[in-house]
Amino acid sequence: MYGSANLFGVEATVAAWRHGDAWLAETVALLDRNRHTIAERLPAGVGYRIPEATYLAWLDVGRPGMAEVIEREARVRLNDGVAFGPGGEHHVRLNFATTEAILDEVLNRLTPVL
């Protein structure tokens, strides 16, 4: 039960290897569009470097405690940078592995708060 794959896991893995190329290409293209959309839409003063190999945006919002403010005022939950150690105090982390419509809504809500 522990330490080995079950039949469904094996079949799913084989199916992904055999038939997943189109899905993977589409997903990588979506993530690329999303990471650039963030760069285009963030308000001035918010620091952001386009990530090269992830679906997580590290935003420098300039002051500590903004994750809580953003959640309360924009109704968007982001990870507080403090959770990631020293140097994260002024940052929040945004997961952009989502649809373009949802990311658009998130950015619409974030902009007035940031």
PDB file of N, CA and C in Angstrom:
ATOM      1  N   MET A   1       0.816  -1.181   0.000  1.00  0.00           N
ATOM      2  CA  MET A   1       0.000   0.000   0.000  1.00  0.00           C
ATOM      3  C   MET A   1       0.872   1.262   0.000  1.00  0.00           C
ATOM      4  N   TYR A   2       1.930   1.273   0.740  1.00  0.00           N
ATOM      5  CA  TYR A   2       2.837   2.409   0.758  1.00  0.00           C
ATOM      6  C   TYR A   2       4.103   2.025   0.002  1.00  0.00           C
ATOM      7  N   GLY A   3       4.598   2.944  -0.810  1.00  0.00           N
ATOM      8  CA  GLY A   3       5.859   2.700  -1.491  1.00  0.00           C
ATOM      9  C   GLY A   3       5.731   2.087  -2.866  1.00  0.00           C
ATOM     10  N   SER A   4       4.503   1.833  -3.319  1.00  0.00           N
ATOM     11  CA  SER A   4       4.342   1.338  -4.678  1.00  0.00           C
ATOM     12  C   SER A   4       3.082   1.941  -5.277  1.00  0.00           C
ATOM     13  N   ALA A   5       3.090   2.080  -6.593  1.00  0.00           N
ATOM     14  CA  ALA A   5       1.945   2.669  -7.278  1.00  0.00           C
ATOM     15  C   ALA A   5       0.840   1.631  -7.426  1.00  0.00           C
ATOM     16  N   ASN A   6      -0.403   2.116  -7.351  1.00  0.00           N
ATOM     17  CA  ASN A   6      -1.516   1.195  -7.607  1.00  0.00           C
ATOM     18  C   ASN A   6      -1.783   1.152  -9.113  1.00  0.00           C
ATOM     19  N   LEU A   7      -2.656   0.273  -9.525  1.00  0.00           N
ATOM     20  CA  LEU A   7      -2.941   0.081 -10.944  1.00  0.00           C
ATOM     21  C   LEU A   7      -3.421   1.363 -11.606  1.00  0.00           C
ATOM     22  N   PHE A   8      -4.266   2.124 -10.917  1.00  0.00           N
ATOM     23  CA  PHE A   8      -4.778   3.367 -11.497  1.00  0.00           C
ATOM     24  C   PHE A   8      -3.645   4.382 -11.701  1.00  0.00           C
ATOM     25  N   GLY A   9      -2.743   4.466 -10.759  1.00  0.00           N
ATOM     26  CA  GLY A   9      -1.606   5.376 -10.879  1.00  0.00           C
ATOM     27  C   GLY A   9      -0.702   5.009 -12.037  1.00  0.00           C
ATOM     28  N   VAL A  10      -0.458   3.725 -12.201  1.00  0.00           N
ATOM     29  CA  VAL A  10       0.385   3.258 -13.307  1.00  0.00           C
ATOM     30  C   VAL A  10      -0.284   3.577 -14.638  1.00  0.00           C
ATOM     31  N   GLU A  11      -1.565   3.269 -14.764  1.00  0.00           N
ATOM     32  CA  GLU A  11      -2.290   3.527 -16.014  1.00  0.00           C
ATOM     33  C   GLU A  11      -2.350   5.014 -16.323  1.00  0.00           C
ATOM     34  N   ALA A  12      -2.559   5.855 -15.305  1.00  0.00           N
ATOM     35  CA  ALA A  12      -2.601   7.306 -15.507  1.00  0.00           C
ATOM     36  C   ALA A  12      -1.243   7.823 -15.972  1.00  0.00           C
ATOM     37  N   THR A  13      -0.166   7.305 -15.405  1.00  0.00           N
ATOM     38  CA  THR A  13       1.174   7.722 -15.800  1.00  0.00           C
ATOM     39  C   THR A  13       1.461   7.333 -17.244  1.00  0.00           C
ATOM     40  N   VAL A  14       1.125   6.111 -17.609  1.00  0.00           N
ATOM     41  CA  VAL A  14       1.346   5.657 -18.980  1.00  0.00           C
ATOM     42  C   VAL A  14       0.518   6.490 -19.960  1.00  0.00           C
ATOM     43  N   ALA A  15      -0.737   6.779 -19.602  1.00  0.00           N
ATOM     44  CA  ALA A  15      -1.591   7.603 -20.465  1.00  0.00           C
ATOM     45  C   ALA A  15      -1.011   9.002 -20.631  1.00  0.00           C
ATOM     46  N   ALA A  16      -0.484   9.567 -19.558  1.00  0.00           N
ATOM     47  CA  ALA A  16       0.122  10.901 -19.646  1.00  0.00           C
ATOM     48  C   ALA A  16       1.337  10.883 -20.558  1.00  0.00           C
ATOM     49  N   TRP A  17       2.161   9.860 -20.446  1.00  0.00           N
ATOM     50  CA  TRP A  17       3.345   9.757 -21.303  1.00  0.00           C
ATOM     51  C   TRP A  17       2.950   9.607 -22.769  1.00  0.00           C
ATOM     52  N   ARG A  18       1.944   8.831 -23.024  1.00  0.00           N
ATOM     53  CA  ARG A  18       1.549   8.545 -24.400  1.00  0.00           C
ATOM     54  C   ARG A  18       0.718   9.645 -25.040  1.00  0.00           C
ATOM     55  N   HIS A  19      -0.134  10.315 -24.242  1.00  0.00           N
ATOM     56  CA  HIS A  19      -1.138  11.211 -24.815  1.00  0.00           C
ATOM     57  C   HIS A  19      -1.124  12.619 -24.220  1.00  0.00           C
ATOM     58  N   GLY A  20      -0.148  12.941 -23.396  1.00  0.00           N
ATOM     59  CA  GLY A  20      -0.179  14.206 -22.671  1.00  0.00           C
ATOM     60  C   GLY A  20       0.566  15.362 -23.301  1.00  0.00           C
ATOM     61  N   ASP A  21       1.190  15.160 -24.457  1.00  0.00           N
ATOM     62  CA  ASP A  21       2.008  16.219 -25.044  1.00  0.00           C
ATOM     63  C   ASP A  21       1.200  17.480 -25.360  1.00  0.00           C
ATOM     64  N   ALA A  22       0.025  17.322 -25.933  1.00  0.00           N
ATOM     65  CA  ALA A  22      -0.797  18.489 -26.283  1.00  0.00           C
ATOM     66  C   ALA A  22      -1.223  19.237 -25.025  1.00  0.00           C
ATOM     67  N   TRP A  23      -1.649  18.497 -24.002  1.00  0.00           N
ATOM     68  CA  TRP A  23      -2.041  19.131 -22.740  1.00  0.00           C
ATOM     69  C   TRP A  23      -0.863  19.880 -22.130  1.00  0.00           C
ATOM     70  N   LEU A  24       0.303  19.266 -22.119  1.00  0.00           N
ATOM     71  CA  LEU A  24       1.479  19.899 -21.541  1.00  0.00           C
ATOM     72  C   LEU A  24       1.838  21.182 -22.293  1.00  0.00           C
ATOM     73  N   ALA A  25       1.828  21.134 -23.602  1.00  0.00           N
ATOM     74  CA  ALA A  25       2.147  22.316 -24.404  1.00  0.00           C
ATOM     75  C   ALA A  25       1.147  23.439 -24.129  1.00  0.00           C
ATOM     76  N   GLU A  26      -0.116  23.094 -24.037  1.00  0.00           N
ATOM     77  CA  GLU A  26      -1.153  24.089 -23.749  1.00  0.00           C
ATOM     78  C   GLU A  26      -0.970  24.688 -22.353  1.00  0.00           C
ATOM     79  N   THR A  27      -0.639  23.859 -21.386  1.00  0.00           N
ATOM     80  CA  THR A  27      -0.436  24.334 -20.020  1.00  0.00           C
ATOM     81  C   THR A  27       0.777  25.245 -19.915  1.00  0.00           C
ATOM     82  N   VAL A  28       1.874  24.880 -20.556  1.00  0.00           N
ATOM     83  CA  VAL A  28       3.080  25.710 -20.537  1.00  0.00           C
ATOM     84  C   VAL A  28       2.799  27.055 -21.212  1.00  0.00           C
ATOM     85  N   ALA A  29       2.057  27.051 -22.316  1.00  0.00           N
ATOM     86  CA  ALA A  29       1.709  28.304 -23.004  1.00  0.00           C
ATOM     87  C   ALA A  29       0.835  29.189 -22.117  1.00  0.00           C
ATOM     88  N   LEU A  30      -0.126  28.596 -21.416  1.00  0.00           N
ATOM     89  CA  LEU A  30      -0.987  29.358 -20.502  1.00  0.00           C
ATOM     90  C   LEU A  30      -0.165  29.992 -19.391  1.00  0.00           C
ATOM     91  N   LEU A  31       0.725  29.231 -18.788  1.00  0.00           N
ATOM     92  CA  LEU A  31       1.559  29.768 -17.708  1.00  0.00           C
ATOM     93  C   LEU A  31       2.450  30.896 -18.223  1.00  0.00           C
ATOM     94  N   ASP A  32       2.958  30.758 -19.431  1.00  0.00           N
ATOM     95  CA  ASP A  32       3.791  31.816 -20.000  1.00  0.00           C
ATOM     96  C   ASP A  32       2.973  33.089 -20.209  1.00  0.00           C
ATOM     97  N   ARG A  33       1.774  32.950 -20.762  1.00  0.00           N
ATOM     98  CA  ARG A  33       0.905  34.132 -20.937  1.00  0.00           C
ATOM     99  C   ARG A  33       0.587  34.766 -19.593  1.00  0.00           C
ATOM    100  N   ASN A  34       0.272  33.943 -18.598  1.00  0.00           N
ATOM    101  CA  ASN A  34      -0.101  34.468 -17.284  1.00  0.00           C
ATOM    102  C   ASN A  34       1.042  35.214 -16.617  1.00  0.00           C
ATOM    103  N   ARG A  35       2.252  34.693 -16.702  1.00  0.00           N
ATOM    104  CA  ARG A  35       3.366  35.365 -16.031  1.00  0.00           C
ATOM    105  C   ARG A  35       3.655  36.716 -16.679  1.00  0.00           C
ATOM    106  N   HIS A  36       3.449  36.818 -17.985  1.00  0.00           N
ATOM    107  CA  HIS A  36       3.630  38.107 -18.669  1.00  0.00           C
ATOM    108  C   HIS A  36       2.451  39.052 -18.420  1.00  0.00           C
ATOM    109  N   THR A  37       1.261  38.510 -18.308  1.00  0.00           N
ATOM    110  CA  THR A  37       0.094  39.335 -17.984  1.00  0.00           C
ATOM    111  C   THR A  37       0.289  40.036 -16.649  1.00  0.00           C
ATOM    112  N   ILE A  38       0.819  39.315 -15.681  1.00  0.00           N
ATOM    113  CA  ILE A  38       1.084  39.911 -14.369  1.00  0.00           C
ATOM    114  C   ILE A  38       2.036  41.094 -14.530  1.00  0.00           C
ATOM    115  N   ALA A  39       3.101  40.918 -15.276  1.00  0.00           N
ATOM    116  CA  ALA A  39       4.076  41.996 -15.480  1.00  0.00           C
ATOM    117  C   ALA A  39       3.431  43.221 -16.124  1.00  0.00           C
ATOM    118  N   GLU A  40       2.519  42.999 -17.047  1.00  0.00           N
ATOM    119  CA  GLU A  40       1.858  44.098 -17.748  1.00  0.00           C
ATOM    120  C   GLU A  40       0.823  44.814 -16.890  1.00  0.00           C
ATOM    121  N   ARG A  41       0.203  44.094 -15.961  1.00  0.00           N
ATOM    122  CA  ARG A  41      -0.948  44.640 -15.242  1.00  0.00           C
ATOM    123  C   ARG A  41      -0.667  45.149 -13.835  1.00  0.00           C
ATOM    124  N   LEU A  42       0.471  44.788 -13.253  1.00  0.00           N
ATOM    125  CA  LEU A  42       0.732  45.246 -11.890  1.00  0.00           C
ATOM    126  C   LEU A  42       0.901  46.759 -11.860  1.00  0.00           C
ATOM    127  N   PRO A  43       0.385  47.398 -10.810  1.00  0.00           N
ATOM    128  CA  PRO A  43       0.579  48.848 -10.712  1.00  0.00           C
ATOM    129  C   PRO A  43       2.044  49.210 -10.495  1.00  0.00           C
ATOM    130  N   ALA A  44       2.387  50.432 -10.872  1.00  0.00           N
ATOM    131  CA  ALA A  44       3.750  50.934 -10.650  1.00  0.00           C
ATOM    132  C   ALA A  44       4.070  50.859  -9.171  1.00  0.00           C
ATOM    133  N   GLY A  45       5.296  50.537  -8.869  1.00  0.00           N
ATOM    134  CA  GLY A  45       5.731  50.458  -7.481  1.00  0.00           C
ATOM    135  C   GLY A  45       5.710  49.059  -6.897  1.00  0.00           C
ATOM    136  N   VAL A  46       5.062  48.120  -7.580  1.00  0.00           N
ATOM    137  CA  VAL A  46       5.062  46.729  -7.124  1.00  0.00           C
ATOM    138  C   VAL A  46       6.188  46.016  -7.856  1.00  0.00           C
ATOM    139  N   GLY A  47       7.129  45.480  -7.101  1.00  0.00           N
ATOM    140  CA  GLY A  47       8.255  44.780  -7.705  1.00  0.00           C
ATOM    141  C   GLY A  47       7.879  43.374  -8.138  1.00  0.00           C
ATOM    142  N   TYR A  48       8.332  43.008  -9.329  1.00  0.00           N
ATOM    143  CA  TYR A  48       8.045  41.667  -9.857  1.00  0.00           C
ATOM    144  C   TYR A  48       9.071  41.331 -10.929  1.00  0.00           C
ATOM    145  N   ARG A  49       9.684  40.196 -10.781  1.00  0.00           N
ATOM    146  CA  ARG A  49      10.573  39.665 -11.810  1.00  0.00           C
ATOM    147  C   ARG A  49       9.877  38.437 -12.383  1.00  0.00           C
ATOM    148  N   ILE A  50       9.725  38.401 -13.686  1.00  0.00           N
ATOM    149  CA  ILE A  50       9.038  37.281 -14.327  1.00  0.00           C
ATOM    150  C   ILE A  50       9.780  35.990 -14.004  1.00  0.00           C
ATOM    151  N   PRO A  51       9.092  35.025 -13.393  1.00  0.00           N
ATOM    152  CA  PRO A  51       9.766  33.766 -13.058  1.00  0.00           C
ATOM    153  C   PRO A  51      10.096  32.967 -14.315  1.00  0.00           C
ATOM    154  N   GLU A  52      11.177  32.221 -14.240  1.00  0.00           N
ATOM    155  CA  GLU A  52      11.616  31.435 -15.393  1.00  0.00           C
ATOM    156  C   GLU A  52      11.071  30.012 -15.388  1.00  0.00           C
ATOM    157  N   ALA A  53      10.752  29.478 -14.206  1.00  0.00           N
ATOM    158  CA  ALA A  53      10.419  28.052 -14.182  1.00  0.00           C
ATOM    159  C   ALA A  53       9.435  27.698 -13.078  1.00  0.00           C
ATOM    160  N   THR A  54       8.422  28.506 -12.897  1.00  0.00           N
ATOM    161  CA  THR A  54       7.448  28.196 -11.867  1.00  0.00           C
ATOM    162  C   THR A  54       6.123  28.868 -12.198  1.00  0.00           C
ATOM    163  N   TYR A  55       5.115  28.588 -11.425  1.00  0.00           N
ATOM    164  CA  TYR A  55       3.801  29.216 -11.582  1.00  0.00           C
ATOM    165  C   TYR A  55       3.479  30.074 -10.359  1.00  0.00           C
ATOM    166  N   LEU A  56       4.539  30.549  -9.694  1.00  0.00           N
ATOM    167  CA  LEU A  56       4.387  31.377  -8.503  1.00  0.00           C
ATOM    168  C   LEU A  56       5.060  32.721  -8.727  1.00  0.00           C
ATOM    169  N   ALA A  57       4.294  33.788  -8.518  1.00  0.00           N
ATOM    170  CA  ALA A  57       4.815  35.142  -8.669  1.00  0.00           C
ATOM    171  C   ALA A  57       5.174  35.686  -7.294  1.00  0.00           C
ATOM    172  N   TRP A  58       6.365  36.206  -7.169  1.00  0.00           N
ATOM    173  CA  TRP A  58       6.882  36.782  -5.925  1.00  0.00           C
ATOM    174  C   TRP A  58       6.779  38.296  -6.106  1.00  0.00           C
ATOM    175  N   LEU A  59       5.840  38.917  -5.406  1.00  0.00           N
ATOM    176  CA  LEU A  59       5.562  40.342  -5.573  1.00  0.00           C
ATOM    177  C   LEU A  59       6.104  41.132  -4.391  1.00  0.00           C
ATOM    178  N   ASP A  60       6.884  42.153  -4.665  1.00  0.00           N
ATOM    179  CA  ASP A  60       7.383  43.050  -3.634  1.00  0.00           C
ATOM    180  C   ASP A  60       6.381  44.192  -3.508  1.00  0.00           C
ATOM    181  N   VAL A  61       5.582  44.150  -2.448  1.00  0.00           N
ATOM    182  CA  VAL A  61       4.524  45.134  -2.239  1.00  0.00           C
ATOM    183  C   VAL A  61       4.966  46.289  -1.345  1.00  0.00           C
ATOM    184  N   GLY A  62       6.214  46.281  -0.902  1.00  0.00           N
ATOM    185  CA  GLY A  62       6.791  47.428  -0.231  1.00  0.00           C
ATOM    186  C   GLY A  62       6.598  47.547   1.259  1.00  0.00           C
ATOM    187  N   ARG A  63       5.748  46.719   1.827  1.00  0.00           N
ATOM    188  CA  ARG A  63       5.571  46.799   3.283  1.00  0.00           C
ATOM    189  C   ARG A  63       5.042  45.478   3.825  1.00  0.00           C
ATOM    190  N   PRO A  64       5.340  45.207   5.087  1.00  0.00           N
ATOM    191  CA  PRO A  64       4.889  43.950   5.687  1.00  0.00           C
ATOM    192  C   PRO A  64       3.384  43.966   5.960  1.00  0.00           C
ATOM    193  N   GLY A  65       2.829  42.767   6.078  1.00  0.00           N
ATOM    194  CA  GLY A  65       1.428  42.618   6.454  1.00  0.00           C
ATOM    195  C   GLY A  65       0.434  42.795   5.333  1.00  0.00           C
ATOM    196  N   MET A  66       0.893  42.921   4.111  1.00  0.00           N
ATOM    197  CA  MET A  66      -0.027  43.188   3.003  1.00  0.00           C
ATOM    198  C   MET A  66      -0.872  41.988   2.603  1.00  0.00           C
ATOM    199  N   ALA A  67      -0.417  40.778   2.877  1.00  0.00           N
ATOM    200  CA  ALA A  67      -1.222  39.604   2.521  1.00  0.00           C
ATOM    201  C   ALA A  67      -2.570  39.663   3.234  1.00  0.00           C
ATOM    202  N   GLU A  68      -2.543  40.065   4.482  1.00  0.00           N
ATOM    203  CA  GLU A  68      -3.789  40.170   5.261  1.00  0.00           C
ATOM    204  C   GLU A  68      -4.663  41.311   4.731  1.00  0.00           C
ATOM    205  N   VAL A  69      -4.059  42.426   4.401  1.00  0.00           N
ATOM    206  CA  VAL A  69      -4.802  43.571   3.850  1.00  0.00           C
ATOM    207  C   VAL A  69      -5.433  43.183   2.519  1.00  0.00           C
ATOM    208  N   ILE A  70      -4.666  42.529   1.679  1.00  0.00           N
ATOM    209  CA  ILE A  70      -5.161  42.099   0.368  1.00  0.00           C
ATOM    210  C   ILE A  70      -6.333  41.134   0.529  1.00  0.00           C
ATOM    211  N   GLU A  71      -6.200  40.194   1.446  1.00  0.00           N
ATOM    212  CA  GLU A  71      -7.297  39.237   1.646  1.00  0.00           C
ATOM    213  C   GLU A  71      -8.562  39.950   2.116  1.00  0.00           C
ATOM    214  N   ARG A  72      -8.399  40.869   3.042  1.00  0.00           N
ATOM    215  CA  ARG A  72      -9.559  41.575   3.595  1.00  0.00           C
ATOM    216  C   ARG A  72     -10.191  42.521   2.569  1.00  0.00           C
ATOM    217  N   GLU A  73      -9.372  43.303   1.873  1.00  0.00           N
ATOM    218  CA  GLU A  73      -9.909  44.339   1.000  1.00  0.00           C
ATOM    219  C   GLU A  73     -10.173  43.879  -0.431  1.00  0.00           C
ATOM    220  N   ALA A  74      -9.336  43.004  -0.947  1.00  0.00           N
ATOM    221  CA  ALA A  74      -9.497  42.555  -2.338  1.00  0.00           C
ATOM    222  C   ALA A  74     -10.172  41.197  -2.436  1.00  0.00           C
ATOM    223  N   ARG A  75     -10.274  40.512  -1.286  1.00  0.00           N
ATOM    224  CA  ARG A  75     -10.833  39.160  -1.245  1.00  0.00           C
ATOM    225  C   ARG A  75     -10.034  38.202  -2.132  1.00  0.00           C
ATOM    226  N   VAL A  76      -8.703  38.355  -2.067  1.00  0.00           N
ATOM    227  CA  VAL A  76      -7.771  37.478  -2.765  1.00  0.00           C
ATOM    228  C   VAL A  76      -6.781  36.983  -1.721  1.00  0.00           C
ATOM    229  N   ARG A  77      -6.611  35.684  -1.640  1.00  0.00           N
ATOM    230  CA  ARG A  77      -5.679  35.120  -0.659  1.00  0.00           C
ATOM    231  C   ARG A  77      -4.335  34.854  -1.327  1.00  0.00           C
ATOM    232  N   LEU A  78      -3.312  35.506  -0.797  1.00  0.00           N
ATOM    233  CA  LEU A  78      -1.937  35.305  -1.240  1.00  0.00           C
ATOM    234  C   LEU A  78      -1.127  34.809  -0.055  1.00  0.00           C
ATOM    235  N   ASN A  79       0.005  34.188  -0.333  1.00  0.00           N
ATOM    236  CA  ASN A  79       0.894  33.760   0.743  1.00  0.00           C
ATOM    237  C   ASN A  79       1.730  34.937   1.196  1.00  0.00           C
ATOM    238  N   ASP A  80       1.810  35.130   2.513  1.00  0.00           N
ATOM    239  CA  ASP A  80       2.632  36.187   3.086  1.00  0.00           C
ATOM    240  C   ASP A  80       4.096  35.784   2.968  1.00  0.00           C
ATOM    241  N   GLY A  81       4.932  36.684   2.494  1.00  0.00           N
ATOM    242  CA  GLY A  81       6.347  36.409   2.300  1.00  0.00           C
ATOM    243  C   GLY A  81       7.088  36.065   3.577  1.00  0.00           C
ATOM    244  N   VAL A  82       6.581  36.498   4.714  1.00  0.00           N
ATOM    245  CA  VAL A  82       7.217  36.198   5.999  1.00  0.00           C
ATOM    246  C   VAL A  82       7.358  34.694   6.190  1.00  0.00           C
ATOM    247  N   ALA A  83       6.399  33.943   5.686  1.00  0.00           N
ATOM    248  CA  ALA A  83       6.418  32.486   5.842  1.00  0.00           C
ATOM    249  C   ALA A  83       7.614  31.844   5.142  1.00  0.00           C
ATOM    250  N   PHE A  84       8.283  32.580   4.256  1.00  0.00           N
ATOM    251  CA  PHE A  84       9.380  32.020   3.484  1.00  0.00           C
ATOM    252  C   PHE A  84      10.748  32.439   4.006  1.00  0.00           C
ATOM    253  N   GLY A  85      10.761  33.123   5.144  1.00  0.00           N
ATOM    254  CA  GLY A  85      12.022  33.430   5.794  1.00  0.00           C
ATOM    255  C   GLY A  85      12.446  34.875   5.684  1.00  0.00           C
ATOM    256  N   PRO A  86      13.610  35.179   6.240  1.00  0.00           N
ATOM    257  CA  PRO A  86      14.129  36.547   6.236  1.00  0.00           C
ATOM    258  C   PRO A  86      14.220  37.099   4.808  1.00  0.00           C
ATOM    259  N   GLY A  87      13.830  38.341   4.654  1.00  0.00           N
ATOM    260  CA  GLY A  87      13.813  38.978   3.344  1.00  0.00           C
ATOM    261  C   GLY A  87      12.457  38.934   2.683  1.00  0.00           C
ATOM    262  N   GLY A  88      11.552  38.139   3.217  1.00  0.00           N
ATOM    263  CA  GLY A  88      10.228  38.015   2.615  1.00  0.00           C
ATOM    264  C   GLY A  88       9.195  38.970   3.175  1.00  0.00           C
ATOM    265  N   GLU A  89       9.592  39.806   4.121  1.00  0.00           N
ATOM    266  CA  GLU A  89       8.650  40.647   4.860  1.00  0.00           C
ATOM    267  C   GLU A  89       7.800  41.553   3.979  1.00  0.00           C
ATOM    268  N   HIS A  90       8.343  42.040   2.898  1.00  0.00           N
ATOM    269  CA  HIS A  90       7.624  42.986   2.041  1.00  0.00           C
ATOM    270  C   HIS A  90       7.013  42.315   0.817  1.00  0.00           C
ATOM    271  N   HIS A  91       6.956  41.005   0.835  1.00  0.00           N
ATOM    272  CA  HIS A  91       6.519  40.257  -0.342  1.00  0.00           C
ATOM    273  C   HIS A  91       5.244  39.453  -0.070  1.00  0.00           C
ATOM    274  N   VAL A  92       4.563  39.158  -1.169  1.00  0.00           N
ATOM    275  CA  VAL A  92       3.470  38.190  -1.178  1.00  0.00           C
ATOM    276  C   VAL A  92       3.703  37.275  -2.369  1.00  0.00           C
ATOM    277  N   ARG A  93       3.138  36.082  -2.288  1.00  0.00           N
ATOM    278  CA  ARG A  93       3.308  35.112  -3.375  1.00  0.00           C
ATOM    279  C   ARG A  93       1.951  34.815  -3.989  1.00  0.00           C
ATOM    280  N   LEU A  94       1.877  34.925  -5.296  1.00  0.00           N
ATOM    281  CA  LEU A  94       0.657  34.700  -6.059  1.00  0.00           C
ATOM    282  C   LEU A  94       0.832  33.467  -6.934  1.00  0.00           C
ATOM    283  N   ASN A  95      -0.085  32.525  -6.801  1.00  0.00           N
ATOM    284  CA  ASN A  95      -0.091  31.336  -7.649  1.00  0.00           C
ATOM    285  C   ASN A  95      -0.874  31.693  -8.911  1.00  0.00           C
ATOM    286  N   PHE A  96      -0.223  31.693 -10.069  1.00  0.00           N
ATOM    287  CA  PHE A  96      -0.902  32.069 -11.308  1.00  0.00           C
ATOM    288  C   PHE A  96      -1.197  30.873 -12.213  1.00  0.00           C
ATOM    289  N   ALA A  97      -1.209  29.689 -11.649  1.00  0.00           N
ATOM    290  CA  ALA A  97      -1.575  28.491 -12.411  1.00  0.00           C
ATOM    291  C   ALA A  97      -3.091  28.379 -12.420  1.00  0.00           C
ATOM    292  N   THR A  98      -3.714  29.231 -13.203  1.00  0.00           N
ATOM    293  CA  THR A  98      -5.167  29.298 -13.276  1.00  0.00           C
ATOM    294  C   THR A  98      -5.564  29.769 -14.669  1.00  0.00           C
ATOM    295  N   THR A  99      -6.839  29.875 -14.894  1.00  0.00           N
ATOM    296  CA  THR A  99      -7.312  30.340 -16.196  1.00  0.00           C
ATOM    297  C   THR A  99      -7.047  31.832 -16.351  1.00  0.00           C
ATOM    298  N   GLU A 100      -7.040  32.280 -17.587  1.00  0.00           N
ATOM    299  CA  GLU A 100      -6.845  33.707 -17.846  1.00  0.00           C
ATOM    300  C   GLU A 100      -7.972  34.530 -17.231  1.00  0.00           C
ATOM    301  N   ALA A 101      -9.186  34.013 -17.246  1.00  0.00           N
ATOM    302  CA  ALA A 101     -10.326  34.745 -16.681  1.00  0.00           C
ATOM    303  C   ALA A 101     -10.171  34.937 -15.170  1.00  0.00           C
ATOM    304  N   ILE A 102      -9.743  33.899 -14.492  1.00  0.00           N
ATOM    305  CA  ILE A 102      -9.557  34.017 -13.039  1.00  0.00           C
ATOM    306  C   ILE A 102      -8.392  34.947 -12.727  1.00  0.00           C
ATOM    307  N   LEU A 103      -7.287  34.834 -13.454  1.00  0.00           N
ATOM    308  CA  LEU A 103      -6.161  35.735 -13.229  1.00  0.00           C
ATOM    309  C   LEU A 103      -6.578  37.180 -13.481  1.00  0.00           C
ATOM    310  N   ASP A 104      -7.363  37.413 -14.499  1.00  0.00           N
ATOM    311  CA  ASP A 104      -7.859  38.757 -14.787  1.00  0.00           C
ATOM    312  C   ASP A 104      -8.662  39.294 -13.609  1.00  0.00           C
ATOM    313  N   GLU A 105      -9.528  38.479 -13.053  1.00  0.00           N
ATOM    314  CA  GLU A 105     -10.324  38.883 -11.888  1.00  0.00           C
ATOM    315  C   GLU A 105      -9.420  39.173 -10.688  1.00  0.00           C
ATOM    316  N   VAL A 106      -8.445  38.328 -10.456  1.00  0.00           N
ATOM    317  CA  VAL A 106      -7.505  38.535  -9.349  1.00  0.00           C
ATOM    318  C   VAL A 106      -6.784  39.872  -9.517  1.00  0.00           C
ATOM    319  N   LEU A 107      -6.276  40.137 -10.707  1.00  0.00           N
ATOM    320  CA  LEU A 107      -5.550  41.378 -10.942  1.00  0.00           C
ATOM    321  C   LEU A 107      -6.467  42.598 -10.842  1.00  0.00           C
ATOM    322  N   ASN A 108      -7.710  42.464 -11.288  1.00  0.00           N
ATOM    323  CA  ASN A 108      -8.683  43.556 -11.130  1.00  0.00           C
ATOM    324  C   ASN A 108      -8.925  43.878  -9.661  1.00  0.00           C
ATOM    325  N   ARG A 109      -8.951  42.870  -8.826  1.00  0.00           N
ATOM    326  CA  ARG A 109      -9.172  43.074  -7.398  1.00  0.00           C
ATOM    327  C   ARG A 109      -7.916  43.600  -6.701  1.00  0.00           C
ATOM    328  N   LEU A 110      -6.750  43.121  -7.122  1.00  0.00           N
ATOM    329  CA  LEU A 110      -5.502  43.515  -6.472  1.00  0.00           C
ATOM    330  C   LEU A 110      -5.116  44.963  -6.747  1.00  0.00           C
ATOM    331  N   THR A 111      -5.321  45.418  -7.972  1.00  0.00           N
ATOM    332  CA  THR A 111      -4.803  46.713  -8.400  1.00  0.00           C
ATOM    333  C   THR A 111      -5.198  47.862  -7.471  1.00  0.00           C
ATOM    334  N   PRO A 112      -6.472  48.019  -7.105  1.00  0.00           N
ATOM    335  CA  PRO A 112      -6.791  49.158  -6.226  1.00  0.00           C
ATOM    336  C   PRO A 112      -6.191  49.046  -4.824  1.00  0.00           C
ATOM    337  N   VAL A 113      -5.949  47.837  -4.370  1.00  0.00           N
ATOM    338  CA  VAL A 113      -5.397  47.637  -3.022  1.00  0.00           C
ATOM    339  C   VAL A 113      -3.888  47.892  -3.005  1.00  0.00           C
ATOM    340  N   LEU A 114      -3.217  47.529  -4.096  1.00  0.00           N
ATOM    341  CA  LEU A 114      -1.776  47.698  -4.166  1.00  0.00           C
ATOM    342  C   LEU A 114      -1.413  49.129  -4.491  1.00  0.00           C
TER     343      LEU A 114
END
